[in-house]
Amino acid sequence: GVPEVDAVVVGAGMSGLYTLHKLRGLGLTVQVFEKGDGVGG
């Protein structure tokens, strides 16, 4: 019953954003979690 994604990325700074972009380009479903209330790391 737990939802599935292909990849979880922890952090939405420069590395997290680029990771999301690259993995999404592979056709993966990706969820990014960021503790701040905005991106930027």
PDB file of all heavy atoms in Angstrom:
ATOM      1  N   GLY A   1       0.787  -1.221   0.000  1.00  0.00           N
ATOM      2  CA  GLY A   1       0.000   0.000   0.000  1.00  0.00           C
ATOM      3  C   GLY A   1       0.822   1.277   0.000  1.00  0.00           C
ATOM      4  O   GLY A   1       0.266   2.365  -0.096  1.00  0.00           O
ATOM      5  N   VAL A   2       2.142   1.164   0.109  1.00  0.00           N
ATOM      6  CA  VAL A   2       2.997   2.348   0.102  1.00  0.00           C
ATOM      7  C   VAL A   2       3.252   2.776  -1.345  1.00  0.00           C
ATOM      8  O   VAL A   2       3.598   1.948  -2.187  1.00  0.00           O
ATOM      9  CB  VAL A   2       4.327   2.063   0.821  1.00  0.00           C
ATOM     10  CG1 VAL A   2       5.304   3.223   0.642  1.00  0.00           C
ATOM     11  CG2 VAL A   2       4.086   1.811   2.310  1.00  0.00           C
ATOM     12  N   PRO A   3       3.092   4.065  -1.658  1.00  0.00           N
ATOM     13  CA  PRO A   3       3.322   4.526  -3.036  1.00  0.00           C
ATOM     14  C   PRO A   3       4.750   4.248  -3.486  1.00  0.00           C
ATOM     15  O   PRO A   3       5.681   4.254  -2.677  1.00  0.00           O
ATOM     16  CB  PRO A   3       3.050   6.030  -2.953  1.00  0.00           C
ATOM     17  CG  PRO A   3       2.245   6.222  -1.717  1.00  0.00           C
ATOM     18  CD  PRO A   3       2.654   5.158  -0.774  1.00  0.00           C
ATOM     19  N   GLU A   4       4.898   4.025  -4.789  1.00  0.00           N
ATOM     20  CA  GLU A   4       6.207   3.743  -5.372  1.00  0.00           C
ATOM     21  C   GLU A   4       6.647   4.863  -6.300  1.00  0.00           C
ATOM     22  O   GLU A   4       5.836   5.438  -7.015  1.00  0.00           O
ATOM     23  CB  GLU A   4       6.163   2.450  -6.186  1.00  0.00           C
ATOM     24  CG  GLU A   4       6.017   1.183  -5.395  1.00  0.00           C
ATOM     25  CD  GLU A   4       6.186  -0.050  -6.279  1.00  0.00           C
ATOM     26  OE1 GLU A   4       6.543   0.127  -7.469  1.00  0.00           O
ATOM     27  OE2 GLU A   4       5.974  -1.157  -5.790  1.00  0.00           O
ATOM     28  N   VAL A   5       7.937   5.153  -6.273  1.00  0.00           N
ATOM     29  CA  VAL A   5       8.584   5.953  -7.308  1.00  0.00           C
ATOM     30  C   VAL A   5       9.885   5.252  -7.662  1.00  0.00           C
ATOM     31  O   VAL A   5      10.364   4.399  -6.919  1.00  0.00           O
ATOM     32  CB  VAL A   5       8.874   7.407  -6.851  1.00  0.00           C
ATOM     33  CG1 VAL A   5       7.589   8.191  -6.654  1.00  0.00           C
ATOM     34  CG2 VAL A   5       9.729   7.423  -5.585  1.00  0.00           C
ATOM     35  N   ASP A   6      10.437   5.627  -8.782  1.00  0.00           N
ATOM     36  CA  ASP A   6      11.717   5.028  -9.159  1.00  0.00           C
ATOM     37  C   ASP A   6      12.863   5.574  -8.320  1.00  0.00           C
ATOM     38  O   ASP A   6      13.782   4.836  -7.964  1.00  0.00           O
ATOM     39  CB  ASP A   6      12.010   5.286 -10.645  1.00  0.00           C
ATOM     40  CG  ASP A   6      11.037   4.576 -11.567  1.00  0.00           C
ATOM     41  OD1 ASP A   6      10.702   3.408 -11.271  1.00  0.00           O
ATOM     42  OD2 ASP A   6      10.605   5.187 -12.556  1.00  0.00           O
ATOM     43  N   ALA A   7      12.826   6.878  -8.020  1.00  0.00           N
ATOM     44  CA  ALA A   7      13.943   7.491  -7.302  1.00  0.00           C
ATOM     45  C   ALA A   7      13.447   8.560  -6.346  1.00  0.00           C
ATOM     46  O   ALA A   7      12.539   9.331  -6.671  1.00  0.00           O
ATOM     47  CB  ALA A   7      14.942   8.093  -8.286  1.00  0.00           C
ATOM     48  N   VAL A   8      14.079   8.597  -5.170  1.00  0.00           N
ATOM     49  CA  VAL A   8      13.890   9.692  -4.224  1.00  0.00           C
ATOM     50  C   VAL A   8      15.191  10.484  -4.174  1.00  0.00           C
ATOM     51  O   VAL A   8      16.278   9.904  -4.030  1.00  0.00           O
ATOM     52  CB  VAL A   8      13.528   9.177  -2.817  1.00  0.00           C
ATOM     53  CG1 VAL A   8      13.684  10.278  -1.767  1.00  0.00           C
ATOM     54  CG2 VAL A   8      12.106   8.634  -2.798  1.00  0.00           C
ATOM     55  N   VAL A   9      15.079  11.797  -4.307  1.00  0.00           N
ATOM     56  CA  VAL A   9      16.230  12.695  -4.219  1.00  0.00           C
ATOM     57  C   VAL A   9      16.045  13.550  -2.980  1.00  0.00           C
ATOM     58  O   VAL A   9      14.985  14.149  -2.782  1.00  0.00           O
ATOM     59  CB  VAL A   9      16.347  13.582  -5.477  1.00  0.00           C
ATOM     60  CG1 VAL A   9      17.511  14.561  -5.333  1.00  0.00           C
ATOM     61  CG2 VAL A   9      16.510  12.720  -6.724  1.00  0.00           C
ATOM     62  N   VAL A  10      17.063  13.598  -2.143  1.00  0.00           N
ATOM     63  CA  VAL A  10      16.995  14.366  -0.897  1.00  0.00           C
ATOM     64  C   VAL A  10      17.779  15.658  -1.079  1.00  0.00           C
ATOM     65  O   VAL A  10      19.003  15.645  -1.226  1.00  0.00           O
ATOM     66  CB  VAL A  10      17.551  13.560   0.291  1.00  0.00           C
ATOM     67  CG1 VAL A  10      17.343  14.330   1.595  1.00  0.00           C
ATOM     68  CG2 VAL A  10      16.892  12.188   0.362  1.00  0.00           C
ATOM     69  N   GLY A  11      17.057  16.786  -1.113  1.00  0.00           N
ATOM     70  CA  GLY A  11      17.691  18.091  -1.283  1.00  0.00           C
ATOM     71  C   GLY A  11      17.367  18.706  -2.626  1.00  0.00           C
ATOM     72  O   GLY A  11      17.400  18.024  -3.657  1.00  0.00           O
ATOM     73  N   ALA A  12      17.031  20.006  -2.606  1.00  0.00           N
ATOM     74  CA  ALA A  12      16.691  20.714  -3.853  1.00  0.00           C
ATOM     75  C   ALA A  12      17.612  21.907  -4.060  1.00  0.00           C
ATOM     76  O   ALA A  12      17.191  22.984  -4.458  1.00  0.00           O
ATOM     77  CB  ALA A  12      15.224  21.158  -3.836  1.00  0.00           C
ATOM     78  N   GLY A  13      18.901  21.684  -3.783  1.00  0.00           N
ATOM     79  CA  GLY A  13      19.904  22.651  -4.183  1.00  0.00           C
ATOM     80  C   GLY A  13      20.332  22.373  -5.614  1.00  0.00           C
ATOM     81  O   GLY A  13      19.627  21.710  -6.381  1.00  0.00           O
ATOM     82  N   MET A  14      21.518  22.844  -5.977  1.00  0.00           N
ATOM     83  CA  MET A  14      21.955  22.678  -7.365  1.00  0.00           C
ATOM     84  C   MET A  14      22.119  21.206  -7.733  1.00  0.00           C
ATOM     85  O   MET A  14      21.778  20.793  -8.849  1.00  0.00           O
ATOM     86  CB  MET A  14      23.250  23.463  -7.592  1.00  0.00           C
ATOM     87  CG  MET A  14      23.060  24.967  -7.396  1.00  0.00           C
ATOM     88  SD  MET A  14      24.554  25.945  -7.651  1.00  0.00           S
ATOM     89  CE  MET A  14      24.496  26.202  -9.426  1.00  0.00           C
ATOM     90  N   SER A  15      22.620  20.384  -6.800  1.00  0.00           N
ATOM     91  CA  SER A  15      22.796  18.968  -7.128  1.00  0.00           C
ATOM     92  C   SER A  15      21.460  18.247  -7.204  1.00  0.00           C
ATOM     93  O   SER A  15      21.250  17.402  -8.080  1.00  0.00           O
ATOM     94  CB  SER A  15      23.722  18.298  -6.112  1.00  0.00           C
ATOM     95  OG  SER A  15      23.258  18.454  -4.798  1.00  0.00           O
ATOM     96  N   GLY A  16      20.530  18.563  -6.307  1.00  0.00           N
ATOM     97  CA  GLY A  16      19.225  17.922  -6.335  1.00  0.00           C
ATOM     98  C   GLY A  16      18.437  18.263  -7.579  1.00  0.00           C
ATOM     99  O   GLY A  16      17.786  17.399  -8.188  1.00  0.00           O
ATOM    100  N   LEU A  17      18.484  19.529  -7.978  1.00  0.00           N
ATOM    101  CA  LEU A  17      17.749  19.953  -9.172  1.00  0.00           C
ATOM    102  C   LEU A  17      18.301  19.283 -10.431  1.00  0.00           C
ATOM    103  O   LEU A  17      17.536  18.819 -11.294  1.00  0.00           O
ATOM    104  CB  LEU A  17      17.800  21.474  -9.312  1.00  0.00           C
ATOM    105  CG  LEU A  17      17.075  22.276  -8.233  1.00  0.00           C
ATOM    106  CD1 LEU A  17      17.229  23.770  -8.494  1.00  0.00           C
ATOM    107  CD2 LEU A  17      15.594  21.903  -8.148  1.00  0.00           C
ATOM    108  N   TYR A  18      19.621  19.232 -10.534  1.00  0.00           N
ATOM    109  CA  TYR A  18      20.195  18.617 -11.729  1.00  0.00           C
ATOM    110  C   TYR A  18      19.950  17.110 -11.738  1.00  0.00           C
ATOM    111  O   TYR A  18      19.698  16.513 -12.793  1.00  0.00           O
ATOM    112  CB  TYR A  18      21.694  18.929 -11.829  1.00  0.00           C
ATOM    113  CG  TYR A  18      22.318  18.492 -13.137  1.00  0.00           C
ATOM    114  CD1 TYR A  18      21.616  18.588 -14.340  1.00  0.00           C
ATOM    115  CD2 TYR A  18      23.609  17.965 -13.175  1.00  0.00           C
ATOM    116  CE1 TYR A  18      22.186  18.184 -15.535  1.00  0.00           C
ATOM    117  CE2 TYR A  18      24.188  17.565 -14.362  1.00  0.00           C
ATOM    118  CZ  TYR A  18      23.469  17.672 -15.544  1.00  0.00           C
ATOM    119  OH  TYR A  18      24.032  17.264 -16.743  1.00  0.00           O
ATOM    120  N   THR A  19      19.988  16.489 -10.562  1.00  0.00           N
ATOM    121  CA  THR A  19      19.677  15.060 -10.484  1.00  0.00           C
ATOM    122  C   THR A  19      18.250  14.796 -10.955  1.00  0.00           C
ATOM    123  O   THR A  19      17.991  13.861 -11.733  1.00  0.00           O
ATOM    124  CB  THR A  19      19.857  14.546  -9.045  1.00  0.00           C
ATOM    125  OG1 THR A  19      21.203  14.764  -8.618  1.00  0.00           O
ATOM    126  CG2 THR A  19      19.538  13.063  -8.954  1.00  0.00           C
ATOM    127  N   LEU A  20      17.316  15.604 -10.497  1.00  0.00           N
ATOM    128  CA  LEU A  20      15.922  15.468 -10.926  1.00  0.00           C
ATOM    129  C   LEU A  20      15.821  15.589 -12.446  1.00  0.00           C
ATOM    130  O   LEU A  20      15.159  14.778 -13.109  1.00  0.00           O
ATOM    131  CB  LEU A  20      15.062  16.534 -10.240  1.00  0.00           C
ATOM    132  CG  LEU A  20      13.633  16.721 -10.760  1.00  0.00           C
ATOM    133  CD1 LEU A  20      12.843  15.422 -10.669  1.00  0.00           C
ATOM    134  CD2 LEU A  20      12.934  17.841  -9.985  1.00  0.00           C
ATOM    135  N   HIS A  21      16.468  16.595 -13.009  1.00  0.00           N
ATOM    136  CA  HIS A  21      16.419  16.813 -14.456  1.00  0.00           C
ATOM    137  C   HIS A  21      16.975  15.607 -15.214  1.00  0.00           C
ATOM    138  O   HIS A  21      16.365  15.136 -16.194  1.00  0.00           O
ATOM    139  CB  HIS A  21      17.218  18.073 -14.794  1.00  0.00           C
ATOM    140  CG  HIS A  21      17.312  18.364 -16.262  1.00  0.00           C
ATOM    141  ND1 HIS A  21      16.216  18.682 -17.030  1.00  0.00           N
ATOM    142  CD2 HIS A  21      18.390  18.371 -17.092  1.00  0.00           C
ATOM    143  CE1 HIS A  21      16.606  18.883 -18.287  1.00  0.00           C
ATOM    144  NE2 HIS A  21      17.912  18.694 -18.351  1.00  0.00           N
ATOM    145  N   LYS A  22      18.110  15.077 -14.766  1.00  0.00           N
ATOM    146  CA  LYS A  22      18.737  13.959 -15.476  1.00  0.00           C
ATOM    147  C   LYS A  22      17.922  12.674 -15.338  1.00  0.00           C
ATOM    148  O   LYS A  22      17.729  11.942 -16.323  1.00  0.00           O
ATOM    149  CB  LYS A  22      20.154  13.735 -14.940  1.00  0.00           C
ATOM    150  CG  LYS A  22      21.155  14.776 -15.365  1.00  0.00           C
ATOM    151  CD  LYS A  22      21.425  14.769 -16.860  1.00  0.00           C
ATOM    152  CE  LYS A  22      22.213  13.564 -17.302  1.00  0.00           C
ATOM    153  NZ  LYS A  22      22.559  13.635 -18.745  1.00  0.00           N
ATOM    154  N   LEU A  23      17.424  12.371 -14.136  1.00  0.00           N
ATOM    155  CA  LEU A  23      16.686  11.131 -13.947  1.00  0.00           C
ATOM    156  C   LEU A  23      15.337  11.190 -14.641  1.00  0.00           C
ATOM    157  O   LEU A  23      14.859  10.186 -15.192  1.00  0.00           O
ATOM    158  CB  LEU A  23      16.512  10.836 -12.453  1.00  0.00           C
ATOM    159  CG  LEU A  23      17.795  10.582 -11.657  1.00  0.00           C
ATOM    160  CD1 LEU A  23      17.466  10.133 -10.245  1.00  0.00           C
ATOM    161  CD2 LEU A  23      18.692   9.557 -12.355  1.00  0.00           C
ATOM    162  N   ARG A  24      14.724  12.357 -14.624  1.00  0.00           N
ATOM    163  CA  ARG A  24      13.466  12.508 -15.355  1.00  0.00           C
ATOM    164  C   ARG A  24      13.711  12.273 -16.847  1.00  0.00           C
ATOM    165  O   ARG A  24      12.867  11.690 -17.544  1.00  0.00           O
ATOM    166  CB  ARG A  24      12.896  13.910 -15.116  1.00  0.00           C
ATOM    167  CG  ARG A  24      11.498  14.085 -15.646  1.00  0.00           C
ATOM    168  CD  ARG A  24      11.136  15.560 -15.644  1.00  0.00           C
ATOM    169  NE  ARG A  24      10.677  16.026 -14.354  1.00  0.00           N
ATOM    170  CZ  ARG A  24      10.436  17.322 -14.084  1.00  0.00           C
ATOM    171  NH1 ARG A  24      10.652  18.245 -15.012  1.00  0.00           N
ATOM    172  NH2 ARG A  24       9.995  17.680 -12.898  1.00  0.00           N
ATOM    173  N   GLY A  25      14.862  12.710 -17.343  1.00  0.00           N
ATOM    174  CA  GLY A  25      15.202  12.490 -18.745  1.00  0.00           C
ATOM    175  C   GLY A  25      15.374  11.028 -19.108  1.00  0.00           C
ATOM    176  O   GLY A  25      15.289  10.659 -20.283  1.00  0.00           O
ATOM    177  N   LEU A  26      15.616  10.179 -18.099  1.00  0.00           N
ATOM    178  CA  LEU A  26      15.707   8.738 -18.336  1.00  0.00           C
ATOM    179  C   LEU A  26      14.338   8.067 -18.316  1.00  0.00           C
ATOM    180  O   LEU A  26      14.224   6.862 -18.509  1.00  0.00           O
ATOM    181  CB  LEU A  26      16.589   8.081 -17.259  1.00  0.00           C
ATOM    182  CG  LEU A  26      18.050   8.504 -17.189  1.00  0.00           C
ATOM    183  CD1 LEU A  26      18.751   7.776 -16.041  1.00  0.00           C
ATOM    184  CD2 LEU A  26      18.769   8.245 -18.509  1.00  0.00           C
ATOM    185  N   GLY A  27      13.299   8.861 -18.018  1.00  0.00           N
ATOM    186  CA  GLY A  27      11.960   8.305 -17.939  1.00  0.00           C
ATOM    187  C   GLY A  27      11.589   7.807 -16.555  1.00  0.00           C
ATOM    188  O   GLY A  27      10.574   7.119 -16.396  1.00  0.00           O
ATOM    189  N   LEU A  28      12.394   8.140 -15.548  1.00  0.00           N
ATOM    190  CA  LEU A  28      12.110   7.704 -14.185  1.00  0.00           C
ATOM    191  C   LEU A  28      11.079   8.611 -13.532  1.00  0.00           C
ATOM    192  O   LEU A  28      11.003   9.812 -13.826  1.00  0.00           O
ATOM    193  CB  LEU A  28      13.379   7.709 -13.329  1.00  0.00           C
ATOM    194  CG  LEU A  28      14.273   6.459 -13.364  1.00  0.00           C
ATOM    195  CD1 LEU A  28      14.866   6.253 -14.736  1.00  0.00           C
ATOM    196  CD2 LEU A  28      15.366   6.560 -12.306  1.00  0.00           C
ATOM    197  N   THR A  29      10.307   8.030 -12.621  1.00  0.00           N
ATOM    198  CA  THR A  29       9.474   8.841 -11.736  1.00  0.00           C
ATOM    199  C   THR A  29      10.333   9.228 -10.535  1.00  0.00           C
ATOM    200  O   THR A  29      10.996   8.371  -9.931  1.00  0.00           O
ATOM    201  CB  THR A  29       8.235   8.069 -11.274  1.00  0.00           C
ATOM    202  OG1 THR A  29       8.638   6.842 -10.662  1.00  0.00           O
ATOM    203  CG2 THR A  29       7.310   7.780 -12.440  1.00  0.00           C
ATOM    204  N   VAL A  30      10.337  10.515 -10.211  1.00  0.00           N
ATOM    205  CA  VAL A  30      11.254  11.032  -9.194  1.00  0.00           C
ATOM    206  C   VAL A  30      10.481  11.895  -8.198  1.00  0.00           C
ATOM    207  O   VAL A  30       9.624  12.694  -8.588  1.00  0.00           O
ATOM    208  CB  VAL A  30      12.375  11.888  -9.838  1.00  0.00           C
ATOM    209  CG1 VAL A  30      13.394  12.314  -8.790  1.00  0.00           C
ATOM    210  CG2 VAL A  30      13.054  11.139 -10.976  1.00  0.00           C
ATOM    211  N   GLN A  31      10.806  11.738  -6.921  1.00  0.00           N
ATOM    212  CA  GLN A  31      10.273  12.618  -5.884  1.00  0.00           C
ATOM    213  C   GLN A  31      11.451  13.257  -5.149  1.00  0.00           C
ATOM    214  O   GLN A  31      12.322  12.555  -4.631  1.00  0.00           O
ATOM    215  CB  GLN A  31       9.414  11.856  -4.873  1.00  0.00           C
ATOM    216  CG  GLN A  31       8.871  12.713  -3.732  1.00  0.00           C
ATOM    217  CD  GLN A  31       7.916  13.798  -4.218  1.00  0.00           C
ATOM    218  OE1 GLN A  31       6.859  13.505  -4.760  1.00  0.00           O
ATOM    219  NE2 GLN A  31       8.303  15.061  -4.044  1.00  0.00           N
ATOM    220  N   VAL A  32      11.456  14.584  -5.128  1.00  0.00           N
ATOM    221  CA  VAL A  32      12.478  15.336  -4.397  1.00  0.00           C
ATOM    222  C   VAL A  32      11.863  15.857  -3.106  1.00  0.00           C
ATOM    223  O   VAL A  32      10.753  16.391  -3.110  1.00  0.00           O
ATOM    224  CB  VAL A  32      13.008  16.516  -5.238  1.00  0.00           C
ATOM    225  CG1 VAL A  32      14.071  17.299  -4.461  1.00  0.00           C
ATOM    226  CG2 VAL A  32      13.582  16.025  -6.562  1.00  0.00           C
ATOM    227  N   PHE A  33      12.593  15.707  -2.010  1.00  0.00           N
ATOM    228  CA  PHE A  33      12.187  16.278  -0.733  1.00  0.00           C
ATOM    229  C   PHE A  33      13.200  17.348  -0.330  1.00  0.00           C
ATOM    230  O   PHE A  33      14.415  17.132  -0.405  1.00  0.00           O
ATOM    231  CB  PHE A  33      12.116  15.212   0.360  1.00  0.00           C
ATOM    232  CG  PHE A  33      11.011  14.219   0.171  1.00  0.00           C
ATOM    233  CD1 PHE A  33      11.291  12.904  -0.165  1.00  0.00           C
ATOM    234  CD2 PHE A  33       9.686  14.596   0.334  1.00  0.00           C
ATOM    235  CE1 PHE A  33      10.272  11.970  -0.342  1.00  0.00           C
ATOM    236  CE2 PHE A  33       8.649  13.673   0.158  1.00  0.00           C
ATOM    237  CZ  PHE A  33       8.951  12.365  -0.179  1.00  0.00           C
ATOM    238  N   GLU A  34      12.678  18.496   0.104  1.00  0.00           N
ATOM    239  CA  GLU A  34      13.522  19.627   0.505  1.00  0.00           C
ATOM    240  C   GLU A  34      13.001  20.199   1.817  1.00  0.00           C
ATOM    241  O   GLU A  34      11.816  20.507   1.932  1.00  0.00           O
ATOM    242  CB  GLU A  34      13.513  20.703  -0.590  1.00  0.00           C
ATOM    243  CG  GLU A  34      14.047  22.058  -0.195  1.00  0.00           C
ATOM    244  CD  GLU A  34      15.469  22.011   0.333  1.00  0.00           C
ATOM    245  OE1 GLU A  34      16.338  21.405  -0.324  1.00  0.00           O
ATOM    246  OE2 GLU A  34      15.707  22.602   1.413  1.00  0.00           O
ATOM    247  N   LYS A  35      13.900  20.337   2.799  1.00  0.00           N
ATOM    248  CA  LYS A  35      13.457  20.805   4.115  1.00  0.00           C
ATOM    249  C   LYS A  35      13.135  22.295   4.145  1.00  0.00           C
ATOM    250  O   LYS A  35      12.358  22.753   4.986  1.00  0.00           O
ATOM    251  CB  LYS A  35      14.497  20.477   5.179  1.00  0.00           C
ATOM    252  CG  LYS A  35      15.806  21.223   5.053  1.00  0.00           C
ATOM    253  CD  LYS A  35      16.769  20.811   6.167  1.00  0.00           C
ATOM    254  CE  LYS A  35      18.112  21.515   6.040  1.00  0.00           C
ATOM    255  NZ  LYS A  35      19.046  21.119   7.127  1.00  0.00           N
ATOM    256  N   GLY A  36      13.702  23.065   3.221  1.00  0.00           N
ATOM    257  CA  GLY A  36      13.392  24.489   3.172  1.00  0.00           C
ATOM    258  C   GLY A  36      12.070  24.755   2.476  1.00  0.00           C
ATOM    259  O   GLY A  36      11.482  23.863   1.856  1.00  0.00           O
ATOM    260  N   ASP A  37      11.609  26.012   2.551  1.00  0.00           N
ATOM    261  CA  ASP A  37      10.361  26.342   1.860  1.00  0.00           C
ATOM    262  C   ASP A  37      10.616  26.928   0.475  1.00  0.00           C
ATOM    263  O   ASP A  37       9.754  27.547  -0.130  1.00  0.00           O
ATOM    264  CB  ASP A  37       9.478  27.275   2.692  1.00  0.00           C
ATOM    265  CG  ASP A  37      10.123  28.618   2.973  1.00  0.00           C
ATOM    266  OD1 ASP A  37      11.169  28.934   2.373  1.00  0.00           O
ATOM    267  OD2 ASP A  37       9.589  29.371   3.806  1.00  0.00           O
ATOM    268  N   GLY A  38      11.822  26.704  -0.028  1.00  0.00           N
ATOM    269  CA  GLY A  38      12.169  27.098  -1.387  1.00  0.00           C
ATOM    270  C   GLY A  38      13.366  26.296  -1.859  1.00  0.00           C
ATOM    271  O   GLY A  38      14.074  25.674  -1.055  1.00  0.00           O
ATOM    272  N   VAL A  39      13.600  26.284  -3.162  1.00  0.00           N
ATOM    273  CA  VAL A  39      14.762  25.588  -3.713  1.00  0.00           C
ATOM    274  C   VAL A  39      15.986  26.493  -3.585  1.00  0.00           C
ATOM    275  O   VAL A  39      15.868  27.689  -3.319  1.00  0.00           O
ATOM    276  CB  VAL A  39      14.534  25.188  -5.184  1.00  0.00           C
ATOM    277  CG1 VAL A  39      13.288  24.334  -5.327  1.00  0.00           C
ATOM    278  CG2 VAL A  39      14.445  26.429  -6.088  1.00  0.00           C
ATOM    279  N   GLY A  40      17.166  25.907  -3.794  1.00  0.00           N
ATOM    280  CA  GLY A  40      18.370  26.727  -3.794  1.00  0.00           C
ATOM    281  C   GLY A  40      19.484  26.220  -2.921  1.00  0.00           C
ATOM    282  O   GLY A  40      20.637  26.634  -3.073  1.00  0.00           O
ATOM    283  N   GLY A  41      19.178  25.344  -1.957  1.00  0.00           N
ATOM    284  CA  GLY A  41      20.239  24.763  -1.141  1.00  0.00           C
ATOM    285  C   GLY A  41      21.049  25.817  -0.413  1.00  0.00           C
ATOM    286  O   GLY A  41      20.513  26.648   0.334  1.00  0.00           O
TER     287      GLY A  41
END
